[in-house]
PDB file of N, CA and C in Angstrom:
ATOM      1  N   MET A   1     -31.844  -3.709 -62.538  1.00  0.00           N
ATOM      2  CA  MET A   1     -32.304  -3.413 -63.493  1.00  0.00           C
ATOM      3  C   MET A   1     -31.644  -2.230 -64.142  1.00  0.00           C
ATOM      4  N   THR A   2     -31.288  -1.797 -65.262  1.00  0.00           N
ATOM      5  CA  THR A   2     -31.113  -0.397 -65.911  1.00  0.00           C
ATOM      6  C   THR A   2     -32.480   0.306 -66.222  1.00  0.00           C
ATOM      7  N   CYS A   3     -32.571   1.648 -66.431  1.00  0.00           N
ATOM      8  CA  CYS A   3     -33.485   2.088 -67.627  1.00  0.00           C
ATOM      9  C   CYS A   3     -33.910   1.267 -68.822  1.00  0.00           C
ATOM     10  N   GLU A   4     -32.844   1.151 -69.576  1.00  0.00           N
ATOM     11  CA  GLU A   4     -32.370   0.655 -70.936  1.00  0.00           C
ATOM     12  C   GLU A   4     -33.049  -1.268 -70.969  1.00  0.00           C
ATOM     13  N   GLU A   5     -32.662  -1.730 -69.648  1.00  0.00           N
ATOM     14  CA  GLU A   5     -33.054  -3.147 -69.687  1.00  0.00           C
ATOM     15  C   GLU A   5     -34.424  -3.170 -69.575  1.00  0.00           C
ATOM     16  N   CYS A   6     -35.309  -2.126 -68.216  1.00  0.00           N
ATOM     17  CA  CYS A   6     -36.567  -1.953 -68.240  1.00  0.00           C
ATOM     18  C   CYS A   6     -37.616  -1.690 -69.624  1.00  0.00           C
ATOM     19  N   GLU A   7     -36.835  -0.716 -70.535  1.00  0.00           N
ATOM     20  CA  GLU A   7     -37.541  -0.306 -71.214  1.00  0.00           C
ATOM     21  C   GLU A   7     -37.581  -1.468 -72.768  1.00  0.00           C
ATOM     22  N   GLU A   8     -36.620  -2.033 -72.568  1.00  0.00           N
ATOM     23  CA  GLU A   8     -36.799  -3.065 -73.787  1.00  0.00           C
ATOM     24  C   GLU A   8     -37.831  -4.509 -73.215  1.00  0.00           C
ATOM     25  N   ALA A   9     -37.621  -4.360 -71.980  1.00  0.00           N
ATOM     26  CA  ALA A   9     -38.736  -5.294 -71.896  1.00  0.00           C
ATOM     27  C   ALA A   9     -40.253  -4.968 -71.928  1.00  0.00           C
ATOM     28  N   TYR A  10     -40.622  -3.935 -71.525  1.00  0.00           N
ATOM     29  CA  TYR A  10     -41.593  -3.246 -71.572  1.00  0.00           C
ATOM     30  C   TYR A  10     -42.088  -3.356 -73.108  1.00  0.00           C
ATOM     31  N   ASN A  11     -41.145  -2.594 -74.200  1.00  0.00           N
ATOM     32  CA  ASN A  11     -41.419  -2.875 -75.579  1.00  0.00           C
ATOM     33  C   ASN A  11     -41.663  -4.191 -76.141  1.00  0.00           C
ATOM     34  N   GLU A  12     -41.031  -5.048 -75.495  1.00  0.00           N
ATOM     35  CA  GLU A  12     -40.699  -6.595 -76.141  1.00  0.00           C
ATOM     36  C   GLU A  12     -42.575  -6.856 -75.908  1.00  0.00           C
ATOM     37  N   HIS A  13     -43.424  -6.278 -74.705  1.00  0.00           N
ATOM     38  CA  HIS A  13     -44.410  -6.345 -74.846  1.00  0.00           C
ATOM     39  C   HIS A  13     -45.563  -5.598 -75.350  1.00  0.00           C
ATOM     40  N   GLY A  14     -45.332  -4.873 -76.206  1.00  0.00           N
ATOM     41  CA  GLY A  14     -45.523  -3.356 -76.793  1.00  0.00           C
ATOM     42  C   GLY A  14     -46.118  -2.614 -75.869  1.00  0.00           C
ATOM     43  N   LYS A  15     -45.579  -2.279 -75.019  1.00  0.00           N
ATOM     44  CA  LYS A  15     -46.340  -0.913 -73.626  1.00  0.00           C
ATOM     45  C   LYS A  15     -44.455  -0.094 -73.648  1.00  0.00           C
ATOM     46  N   ASP A  16     -44.980   0.933 -72.768  1.00  0.00           N
ATOM     47  CA  ASP A  16     -44.345   1.871 -72.585  1.00  0.00           C
ATOM     48  C   ASP A  16     -43.877   1.779 -71.073  1.00  0.00           C
ATOM     49  N   PRO A  17     -42.666   1.791 -70.583  1.00  0.00           N
ATOM     50  CA  PRO A  17     -42.392   2.110 -69.573  1.00  0.00           C
ATOM     51  C   PRO A  17     -42.683   3.007 -68.636  1.00  0.00           C
ATOM     52  N   PRO A  18     -43.069   2.485 -67.510  1.00  0.00           N
ATOM     53  CA  PRO A  18     -43.901   3.702 -66.242  1.00  0.00           C
ATOM     54  C   PRO A  18     -42.714   4.509 -66.050  1.00  0.00           C
ATOM     55  N   CYS A  19     -41.684   4.843 -66.522  1.00  0.00           N
ATOM     56  CA  CYS A  19     -40.485   6.233 -66.268  1.00  0.00           C
ATOM     57  C   CYS A  19     -41.350   6.839 -65.161  1.00  0.00           C
ATOM     58  N   GLU A  20     -42.074   7.911 -65.562  1.00  0.00           N
ATOM     59  CA  GLU A  20     -42.720   8.602 -64.665  1.00  0.00           C
ATOM     60  C   GLU A  20     -43.038   8.127 -62.915  1.00  0.00           C
ATOM     61  N   LYS A  21     -43.720   7.153 -63.098  1.00  0.00           N
ATOM     62  CA  LYS A  21     -43.875   6.433 -61.590  1.00  0.00           C
ATOM     63  C   LYS A  21     -42.631   5.438 -60.870  1.00  0.00           C
ATOM     64  N   CYS A  22     -41.553   5.539 -61.647  1.00  0.00           N
ATOM     65  CA  CYS A  22     -40.490   5.116 -61.098  1.00  0.00           C
ATOM     66  C   CYS A  22     -39.849   5.419 -60.030  1.00  0.00           C
ATOM     67  N   GLU A  23     -39.342   5.155 -58.988  1.00  0.00           N
ATOM     68  CA  GLU A  23     -38.497   5.487 -58.233  1.00  0.00           C
ATOM     69  C   GLU A  23     -37.149   5.119 -57.828  1.00  0.00           C
ATOM     70  N   LYS A  24     -36.795   4.704 -59.091  1.00  0.00           N
ATOM     71  CA  LYS A  24     -35.304   4.802 -59.417  1.00  0.00           C
ATOM     72  C   LYS A  24     -34.286   5.395 -59.047  1.00  0.00           C
ATOM     73  N   PRO A  25     -33.508   5.579 -58.152  1.00  0.00           N
ATOM     74  CA  PRO A  25     -32.688   6.724 -58.398  1.00  0.00           C
ATOM     75  C   PRO A  25     -32.186   6.810 -59.714  1.00  0.00           C
ATOM     76  N   VAL A  26     -31.601   8.038 -60.054  1.00  0.00           N
ATOM     77  CA  VAL A  26     -30.193   8.008 -61.256  1.00  0.00           C
ATOM     78  C   VAL A  26     -28.950   8.130 -60.460  1.00  0.00           C
ATOM     79  N   LEU A  27     -28.327   6.885 -60.860  1.00  0.00           N
ATOM     80  CA  LEU A  27     -27.006   6.889 -60.244  1.00  0.00           C
ATOM     81  C   LEU A  27     -25.925   7.413 -61.217  1.00  0.00           C
ATOM     82  N   MET A  28     -24.613   7.892 -60.455  1.00  0.00           N
ATOM     83  CA  MET A  28     -23.873   7.912 -61.337  1.00  0.00           C
ATOM     84  C   MET A  28     -23.174   6.837 -61.343  1.00  0.00           C
ATOM     85  N   PRO A  29     -22.202   6.362 -62.257  1.00  0.00           N
ATOM     86  CA  PRO A  29     -21.216   5.025 -62.554  1.00  0.00           C
ATOM     87  C   PRO A  29     -20.776   4.620 -61.358  1.00  0.00           C
ATOM     88  N   GLU A  30     -20.412   5.483 -60.690  1.00  0.00           N
ATOM     89  CA  GLU A  30     -19.243   5.364 -59.551  1.00  0.00           C
ATOM     90  C   GLU A  30     -20.153   4.406 -58.366  1.00  0.00           C
ATOM     91  N   ASN A  31     -21.371   4.969 -58.440  1.00  0.00           N
ATOM     92  CA  ASN A  31     -22.237   4.373 -57.412  1.00  0.00           C
ATOM     93  C   ASN A  31     -23.249   2.771 -57.480  1.00  0.00           C
ATOM     94  N   TYR A  32     -22.859   2.639 -58.876  1.00  0.00           N
ATOM     95  CA  TYR A  32     -23.578   1.139 -59.383  1.00  0.00           C
ATOM     96  C   TYR A  32     -23.087   0.019 -58.576  1.00  0.00           C
ATOM     97  N   ASP A  33     -21.316  -0.033 -58.260  1.00  0.00           N
ATOM     98  CA  ASP A  33     -21.263  -1.274 -56.797  1.00  0.00           C
ATOM     99  C   ASP A  33     -21.959  -0.808 -55.676  1.00  0.00           C
ATOM    100  N   VAL A  34     -22.194   0.081 -55.226  1.00  0.00           N
ATOM    101  CA  VAL A  34     -22.931   0.228 -54.030  1.00  0.00           C
ATOM    102  C   VAL A  34     -24.237  -0.019 -54.093  1.00  0.00           C
ATOM    103  N   ILE A  35     -24.966  -0.222 -55.152  1.00  0.00           N
ATOM    104  CA  ILE A  35     -26.456  -0.825 -55.245  1.00  0.00           C
ATOM    105  C   ILE A  35     -26.119  -2.195 -55.339  1.00  0.00           C
ATOM    106  N   ARG A  36     -25.291  -2.558 -56.070  1.00  0.00           N
ATOM    107  CA  ARG A  36     -25.286  -4.007 -55.992  1.00  0.00           C
ATOM    108  C   ARG A  36     -24.650  -4.916 -54.648  1.00  0.00           C
ATOM    109  N   ILE A  37     -23.981  -4.130 -53.811  1.00  0.00           N
ATOM    110  CA  ILE A  37     -23.341  -4.777 -52.957  1.00  0.00           C
ATOM    111  C   ILE A  37     -24.824  -4.696 -51.610  1.00  0.00           C
ATOM    112  N   PHE A  38     -24.957  -3.629 -51.695  1.00  0.00           N
ATOM    113  CA  PHE A  38     -26.322  -3.395 -51.031  1.00  0.00           C
ATOM    114  C   PHE A  38     -27.417  -4.515 -51.029  1.00  0.00           C
ATOM    115  N   ASN A  39     -27.756  -4.716 -52.160  1.00  0.00           N
ATOM    116  CA  ASN A  39     -28.588  -5.607 -52.894  1.00  0.00           C
ATOM    117  C   ASN A  39     -28.294  -6.935 -52.507  1.00  0.00           C
ATOM    118  N   LEU A  40     -27.154  -7.215 -52.487  1.00  0.00           N
ATOM    119  CA  LEU A  40     -26.728  -8.490 -51.749  1.00  0.00           C
ATOM    120  C   LEU A  40     -26.659  -8.762 -50.454  1.00  0.00           C
ATOM    121  N   CYS A  41     -26.711  -7.987 -49.828  1.00  0.00           N
ATOM    122  CA  CYS A  41     -26.550  -8.116 -48.402  1.00  0.00           C
ATOM    123  C   CYS A  41     -27.561  -7.528 -47.476  1.00  0.00           C
ATOM    124  N   ARG A  42     -28.851  -6.935 -48.275  1.00  0.00           N
ATOM    125  CA  ARG A  42     -30.112  -6.132 -47.873  1.00  0.00           C
ATOM    126  C   ARG A  42     -30.998  -7.074 -46.621  1.00  0.00           C
ATOM    127  N   ALA A  43     -30.542  -8.536 -46.401  1.00  0.00           N
ATOM    128  CA  ALA A  43     -31.004  -8.811 -45.292  1.00  0.00           C
ATOM    129  C   ALA A  43     -30.130  -9.530 -44.167  1.00  0.00           C
ATOM    130  N   GLN A  44     -29.377  -8.659 -44.326  1.00  0.00           N
ATOM    131  CA  GLN A  44     -28.253  -8.739 -43.350  1.00  0.00           C
ATOM    132  C   GLN A  44     -27.893  -7.611 -42.309  1.00  0.00           C
ATOM    133  N   LEU A  45     -28.992  -7.218 -41.546  1.00  0.00           N
ATOM    134  CA  LEU A  45     -29.379  -6.287 -41.087  1.00  0.00           C
ATOM    135  C   LEU A  45     -28.961  -6.550 -39.653  1.00  0.00           C
ATOM    136  N   ILE A  46     -28.705  -5.311 -38.871  1.00  0.00           N
ATOM    137  CA  ILE A  46     -28.448  -5.195 -37.575  1.00  0.00           C
ATOM    138  C   ILE A  46     -29.594  -4.360 -37.015  1.00  0.00           C
ATOM    139  N   ILE A  47     -30.516  -5.362 -36.205  1.00  0.00           N
ATOM    140  CA  ILE A  47     -31.802  -4.922 -35.751  1.00  0.00           C
ATOM    141  C   ILE A  47     -31.893  -4.493 -33.910  1.00  0.00           C
ATOM    142  N   SER A  48     -32.214  -3.493 -33.692  1.00  0.00           N
ATOM    143  CA  SER A  48     -32.563  -3.290 -32.250  1.00  0.00           C
ATOM    144  C   SER A  48     -34.234  -3.195 -31.656  1.00  0.00           C
ATOM    145  N   PHE A  49     -34.478  -2.745 -30.809  1.00  0.00           N
ATOM    146  CA  PHE A  49     -36.098  -2.674 -30.212  1.00  0.00           C
ATOM    147  C   PHE A  49     -36.352  -0.975 -31.206  1.00  0.00           C
ATOM    148  N   ASP A  50     -35.696  -0.319 -31.589  1.00  0.00           N
ATOM    149  CA  ASP A  50     -35.822   0.851 -32.181  1.00  0.00           C
ATOM    150  C   ASP A  50     -35.795   0.568 -33.713  1.00  0.00           C
ATOM    151  N   GLY A  51     -35.534  -0.639 -34.270  1.00  0.00           N
ATOM    152  CA  GLY A  51     -35.516  -0.781 -35.743  1.00  0.00           C
ATOM    153  C   GLY A  51     -34.157  -1.210 -36.032  1.00  0.00           C
ATOM    154  N   VAL A  52     -33.977  -1.007 -37.784  1.00  0.00           N
ATOM    155  CA  VAL A  52     -32.621  -1.129 -38.279  1.00  0.00           C
ATOM    156  C   VAL A  52     -31.949  -0.337 -37.884  1.00  0.00           C
ATOM    157  N   VAL A  53     -30.694  -0.648 -37.439  1.00  0.00           N
ATOM    158  CA  VAL A  53     -29.656   0.076 -37.049  1.00  0.00           C
ATOM    159  C   VAL A  53     -28.042   0.082 -37.622  1.00  0.00           C
ATOM    160  N   GLY A  54     -28.211  -1.035 -38.534  1.00  0.00           N
ATOM    161  CA  GLY A  54     -27.336  -0.900 -39.976  1.00  0.00           C
ATOM    162  C   GLY A  54     -27.344  -2.235 -40.148  1.00  0.00           C
ATOM    163  N   MET A  55     -25.903  -2.055 -40.985  1.00  0.00           N
ATOM    164  CA  MET A  55     -25.936  -3.300 -42.143  1.00  0.00           C
ATOM    165  C   MET A  55     -24.698  -4.225 -41.488  1.00  0.00           C
ATOM    166  N   SER A  56     -24.481  -5.430 -41.792  1.00  0.00           N
ATOM    167  CA  SER A  56     -23.048  -6.403 -41.017  1.00  0.00           C
ATOM    168  C   SER A  56     -22.124  -5.880 -41.898  1.00  0.00           C
ATOM    169  N   LEU A  57     -20.913  -5.325 -41.410  1.00  0.00           N
ATOM    170  CA  LEU A  57     -20.106  -5.541 -41.862  1.00  0.00           C
ATOM    171  C   LEU A  57     -18.933  -6.188 -42.755  1.00  0.00           C
ATOM    172  N   PRO A  58     -19.085  -7.660 -41.868  1.00  0.00           N
ATOM    173  CA  PRO A  58     -18.531  -8.701 -42.253  1.00  0.00           C
ATOM    174  C   PRO A  58     -19.383  -9.022 -43.766  1.00  0.00           C
ATOM    175  N   ALA A  59     -20.340  -9.023 -44.020  1.00  0.00           N
ATOM    176  CA  ALA A  59     -21.401  -9.168 -45.098  1.00  0.00           C
ATOM    177  C   ALA A  59     -21.388  -8.238 -46.499  1.00  0.00           C
ATOM    178  N   VAL A  60     -20.725  -6.820 -46.017  1.00  0.00           N
ATOM    179  CA  VAL A  60     -20.638  -5.964 -46.923  1.00  0.00           C
ATOM    180  C   VAL A  60     -19.370  -6.414 -47.396  1.00  0.00           C
ATOM    181  N   LYS A  61     -18.621  -6.775 -46.520  1.00  0.00           N
ATOM    182  CA  LYS A  61     -16.996  -7.246 -46.759  1.00  0.00           C
ATOM    183  C   LYS A  61     -16.682  -8.234 -47.644  1.00  0.00           C
ATOM    184  N   THR A  62     -17.583  -9.230 -47.483  1.00  0.00           N
ATOM    185  CA  THR A  62     -17.563 -10.650 -48.202  1.00  0.00           C
ATOM    186  C   THR A  62     -18.001 -10.201 -49.222  1.00  0.00           C
ATOM    187  N   ALA A  63     -19.136  -9.071 -49.858  1.00  0.00           N
ATOM    188  CA  ALA A  63     -20.198  -9.256 -50.848  1.00  0.00           C
ATOM    189  C   ALA A  63     -18.826  -7.988 -51.763  1.00  0.00           C
ATOM    190  N   MET A  64     -18.029  -7.662 -51.127  1.00  0.00           N
ATOM    191  CA  MET A  64     -16.983  -6.670 -52.129  1.00  0.00           C
ATOM    192  C   MET A  64     -15.827  -7.721 -52.247  1.00  0.00           C
ATOM    193  N   ASP A  65     -15.816  -8.554 -51.782  1.00  0.00           N
ATOM    194  CA  ASP A  65     -14.418  -9.572 -52.558  1.00  0.00           C
ATOM    195  C   ASP A  65     -15.057 -10.352 -53.363  1.00  0.00           C
ATOM    196  N   MET A  66     -16.407 -10.766 -53.284  1.00  0.00           N
ATOM    197  CA  MET A  66     -17.315 -11.395 -54.594  1.00  0.00           C
ATOM    198  C   MET A  66     -17.129 -10.542 -55.741  1.00  0.00           C
ATOM    199  N   LEU A  67     -17.504  -9.436 -55.752  1.00  0.00           N
ATOM    200  CA  LEU A  67     -17.310  -8.602 -56.605  1.00  0.00           C
ATOM    201  C   LEU A  67     -16.035  -7.932 -56.878  1.00  0.00           C
ATOM    202  N   GLY A  68     -14.802  -8.363 -56.146  1.00  0.00           N
ATOM    203  CA  GLY A  68     -13.526  -7.905 -57.135  1.00  0.00           C
ATOM    204  C   GLY A  68     -13.051  -6.440 -56.775  1.00  0.00           C
ATOM    205  N   ILE A  69     -14.047  -5.887 -55.492  1.00  0.00           N
ATOM    206  CA  ILE A  69     -13.770  -4.480 -55.348  1.00  0.00           C
ATOM    207  C   ILE A  69     -12.530  -3.789 -54.677  1.00  0.00           C
ATOM    208  N   GLU A  70     -11.783  -2.961 -55.139  1.00  0.00           N
ATOM    209  CA  GLU A  70     -10.383  -2.458 -54.653  1.00  0.00           C
ATOM    210  C   GLU A  70     -10.812  -1.648 -53.781  1.00  0.00           C
ATOM    211  N   GLU A  71     -11.496  -0.473 -53.993  1.00  0.00           N
ATOM    212  CA  GLU A  71     -11.374   0.413 -53.045  1.00  0.00           C
ATOM    213  C   GLU A  71     -12.441   0.180 -51.776  1.00  0.00           C
ATOM    214  N   GLN A  72     -12.167  -0.828 -51.114  1.00  0.00           N
ATOM    215  CA  GLN A  72     -13.304  -1.257 -50.136  1.00  0.00           C
ATOM    216  C   GLN A  72     -13.874  -0.123 -49.171  1.00  0.00           C
ATOM    217  N   LEU A  73     -12.742   0.633 -48.674  1.00  0.00           N
ATOM    218  CA  LEU A  73     -13.334   1.415 -47.815  1.00  0.00           C
ATOM    219  C   LEU A  73     -14.026   2.721 -48.177  1.00  0.00           C
ATOM    220  N   SER A  74     -13.855   3.139 -49.027  1.00  0.00           N
ATOM    221  CA  SER A  74     -15.020   3.849 -49.715  1.00  0.00           C
ATOM    222  C   SER A  74     -16.279   3.442 -50.092  1.00  0.00           C
ATOM    223  N   CYS A  75     -16.089   2.174 -50.507  1.00  0.00           N
ATOM    224  CA  CYS A  75     -17.163   1.832 -51.032  1.00  0.00           C
ATOM    225  C   CYS A  75     -18.151   1.203 -49.938  1.00  0.00           C
ATOM    226  N   ALA A  76     -17.482   0.858 -49.007  1.00  0.00           N
ATOM    227  CA  ALA A  76     -18.373  -0.050 -47.327  1.00  0.00           C
ATOM    228  C   ALA A  76     -19.057   1.377 -47.006  1.00  0.00           C
ATOM    229  N   GLU A  77     -18.013   2.627 -46.855  1.00  0.00           N
ATOM    230  CA  GLU A  77     -18.868   3.814 -46.237  1.00  0.00           C
ATOM    231  C   GLU A  77     -19.997   4.305 -47.050  1.00  0.00           C
ATOM    232  N   LYS A  78     -19.911   4.223 -48.683  1.00  0.00           N
ATOM    233  CA  LYS A  78     -20.907   4.385 -49.362  1.00  0.00           C
ATOM    234  C   LYS A  78     -22.116   3.691 -48.742  1.00  0.00           C
ATOM    235  N   VAL A  79     -22.084   2.475 -48.634  1.00  0.00           N
ATOM    236  CA  VAL A  79     -22.812   1.277 -48.656  1.00  0.00           C
ATOM    237  C   VAL A  79     -23.762   1.546 -47.267  1.00  0.00           C
ATOM    238  N   MET A  80     -22.989   1.843 -46.306  1.00  0.00           N
ATOM    239  CA  MET A  80     -23.539   2.141 -44.984  1.00  0.00           C
ATOM    240  C   MET A  80     -24.285   3.697 -44.908  1.00  0.00           C
ATOM    241  N   VAL A  81     -23.802   4.557 -45.430  1.00  0.00           N
ATOM    242  CA  VAL A  81     -24.557   5.552 -45.691  1.00  0.00           C
ATOM    243  C   VAL A  81     -25.873   5.312 -46.387  1.00  0.00           C
ATOM    244  N   TYR A  82     -25.525   4.766 -47.653  1.00  0.00           N
ATOM    245  CA  TYR A  82     -27.399   4.614 -48.553  1.00  0.00           C
ATOM    246  C   TYR A  82     -28.459   3.562 -47.532  1.00  0.00           C
ATOM    247  N   ALA A  83     -27.354   2.511 -46.808  1.00  0.00           N
ATOM    248  CA  ALA A  83     -28.287   1.165 -46.268  1.00  0.00           C
ATOM    249  C   ALA A  83     -29.136   2.493 -44.928  1.00  0.00           C
ATOM    250  N   GLU A  84     -28.026   3.389 -44.433  1.00  0.00           N
ATOM    251  CA  GLU A  84     -29.200   4.087 -43.322  1.00  0.00           C
ATOM    252  C   GLU A  84     -30.319   5.233 -44.081  1.00  0.00           C
ATOM    253  N   ALA A  85     -29.969   5.483 -45.185  1.00  0.00           N
ATOM    254  CA  ALA A  85     -31.555   6.322 -45.708  1.00  0.00           C
ATOM    255  C   ALA A  85     -32.158   5.454 -46.158  1.00  0.00           C
ATOM    256  N   VAL A  86     -32.215   4.196 -46.669  1.00  0.00           N
ATOM    257  CA  VAL A  86     -32.716   3.436 -47.075  1.00  0.00           C
ATOM    258  C   VAL A  86     -33.691   3.107 -46.063  1.00  0.00           C
ATOM    259  N   TYR A  87     -33.518   2.719 -45.087  1.00  0.00           N
ATOM    260  CA  TYR A  87     -33.808   1.899 -43.861  1.00  0.00           C
ATOM    261  C   TYR A  87     -34.782   2.544 -43.087  1.00  0.00           C
ATOM    262  N   SER A  88     -34.052   4.169 -42.855  1.00  0.00           N
ATOM    263  CA  SER A  88     -34.444   4.966 -42.155  1.00  0.00           C
ATOM    264  C   SER A  88     -35.886   5.704 -42.624  1.00  0.00           C
ATOM    265  N   LYS A  89     -35.773   5.733 -44.159  1.00  0.00           N
ATOM    266  CA  LYS A  89     -36.768   6.345 -44.865  1.00  0.00           C
ATOM    267  C   LYS A  89     -38.075   5.243 -44.530  1.00  0.00           C
ATOM    268  N   LYS A  90     -37.645   3.840 -44.412  1.00  0.00           N
ATOM    269  CA  LYS A  90     -38.887   2.735 -44.586  1.00  0.00           C
ATOM    270  C   LYS A  90     -39.411   2.731 -43.029  1.00  0.00           C
ATOM    271  N   GLN A  91     -38.274   3.057 -42.068  1.00  0.00           N
ATOM    272  CA  GLN A  91     -38.962   2.974 -40.462  1.00  0.00           C
ATOM    273  C   GLN A  91     -40.222   4.314 -40.523  1.00  0.00           C
ATOM    274  N   GLU A  92     -40.166   5.409 -41.417  1.00  0.00           N
ATOM    275  CA  GLU A  92     -40.843   6.614 -40.970  1.00  0.00           C
ATOM    276  C   GLU A  92     -42.312   6.137 -41.568  1.00  0.00           C
ATOM    277  N   GLN A  93     -42.175   4.828 -42.636  1.00  0.00           N
ATOM    278  CA  GLN A  93     -43.624   4.556 -43.260  1.00  0.00           C
ATOM    279  C   GLN A  93     -44.519   3.660 -42.081  1.00  0.00           C
ATOM    280  N   PRO A  94     -45.683   3.726 -42.208  1.00  0.00           N
ATOM    281  CA  PRO A  94     -46.531   2.877 -41.299  1.00  0.00           C
ATOM    282  C   PRO A  94     -46.259   1.538 -42.096  1.00  0.00           C
ATOM    283  N   ALA A  95     -46.473   0.637 -40.890  1.00  0.00           N
ATOM    284  CA  ALA A  95     -46.693  -0.672 -41.194  1.00  0.00           C
ATOM    285  C   ALA A  95     -47.501  -1.215 -42.033  1.00  0.00           C
ATOM    286  N   PRO A  96     -47.337  -2.172 -42.923  1.00  0.00           N
ATOM    287  CA  PRO A  96     -48.623  -2.562 -43.834  1.00  0.00           C
ATOM    288  C   PRO A  96     -50.097  -2.993 -42.474  1.00  0.00           C
ATOM    289  N   GLY A  97     -51.060  -2.503 -43.146  1.00  0.00           N
ATOM    290  CA  GLY A  97     -52.334  -3.139 -42.334  1.00  0.00           C
ATOM    291  C   GLY A  97     -52.523  -2.518 -40.868  1.00  0.00           C
ATOM    292  N   SER A  98     -51.343  -1.403 -40.592  1.00  0.00           N
ATOM    293  CA  SER A  98     -51.687  -0.685 -39.516  1.00  0.00           C
ATOM    294  C   SER A  98     -52.808   0.833 -39.676  1.00  0.00           C
ATOM    295  N   VAL A  99     -53.358   1.098 -38.731  1.00  0.00           N
ATOM    296  CA  VAL A  99     -54.205   1.949 -38.525  1.00  0.00           C
ATOM    297  C   VAL A  99     -53.821   3.422 -37.808  1.00  0.00           C
ATOM    298  N   GLU A 100     -53.749   4.494 -38.904  1.00  0.00           N
ATOM    299  CA  GLU A 100     -52.954   5.767 -38.583  1.00  0.00           C
ATOM    300  C   GLU A 100     -53.946   6.288 -37.979  1.00  0.00           C
ATOM    301  N   GLU A 101     -53.653   6.992 -36.600  1.00  0.00           N
ATOM    302  CA  GLU A 101     -54.520   7.928 -35.951  1.00  0.00           C
ATOM    303  C   GLU A 101     -54.623   9.379 -36.620  1.00  0.00           C
ATOM    304  N   GLU A 102     -56.076   9.635 -36.330  1.00  0.00           N
ATOM    305  CA  GLU A 102     -56.076  11.299 -37.236  1.00  0.00           C
ATOM    306  C   GLU A 102     -56.112  12.127 -36.012  1.00  0.00           C
TER     307      GLU A 102
END
């Protein structure tokens, strides 16, 4: 959902969107496809005992073909960098319901 779509959805219900709490990154237009592909492939992860180590390249390739992406090498590299950043951040967070030692 874009910021404009979110704002419209909240305005339809007479509310202001919670922009100050939104964690959605501001994207440059050339990265829109990266997020679309990541979202299509987010369940296609490669997992080891240490957690997520990557995303399935065949799944990324299939998603790029479905979306008609022409610059596939560059796009795949961006998807992998984004996935690594997202999943490394998630692995740093404690699991839901876990108790952290103080």
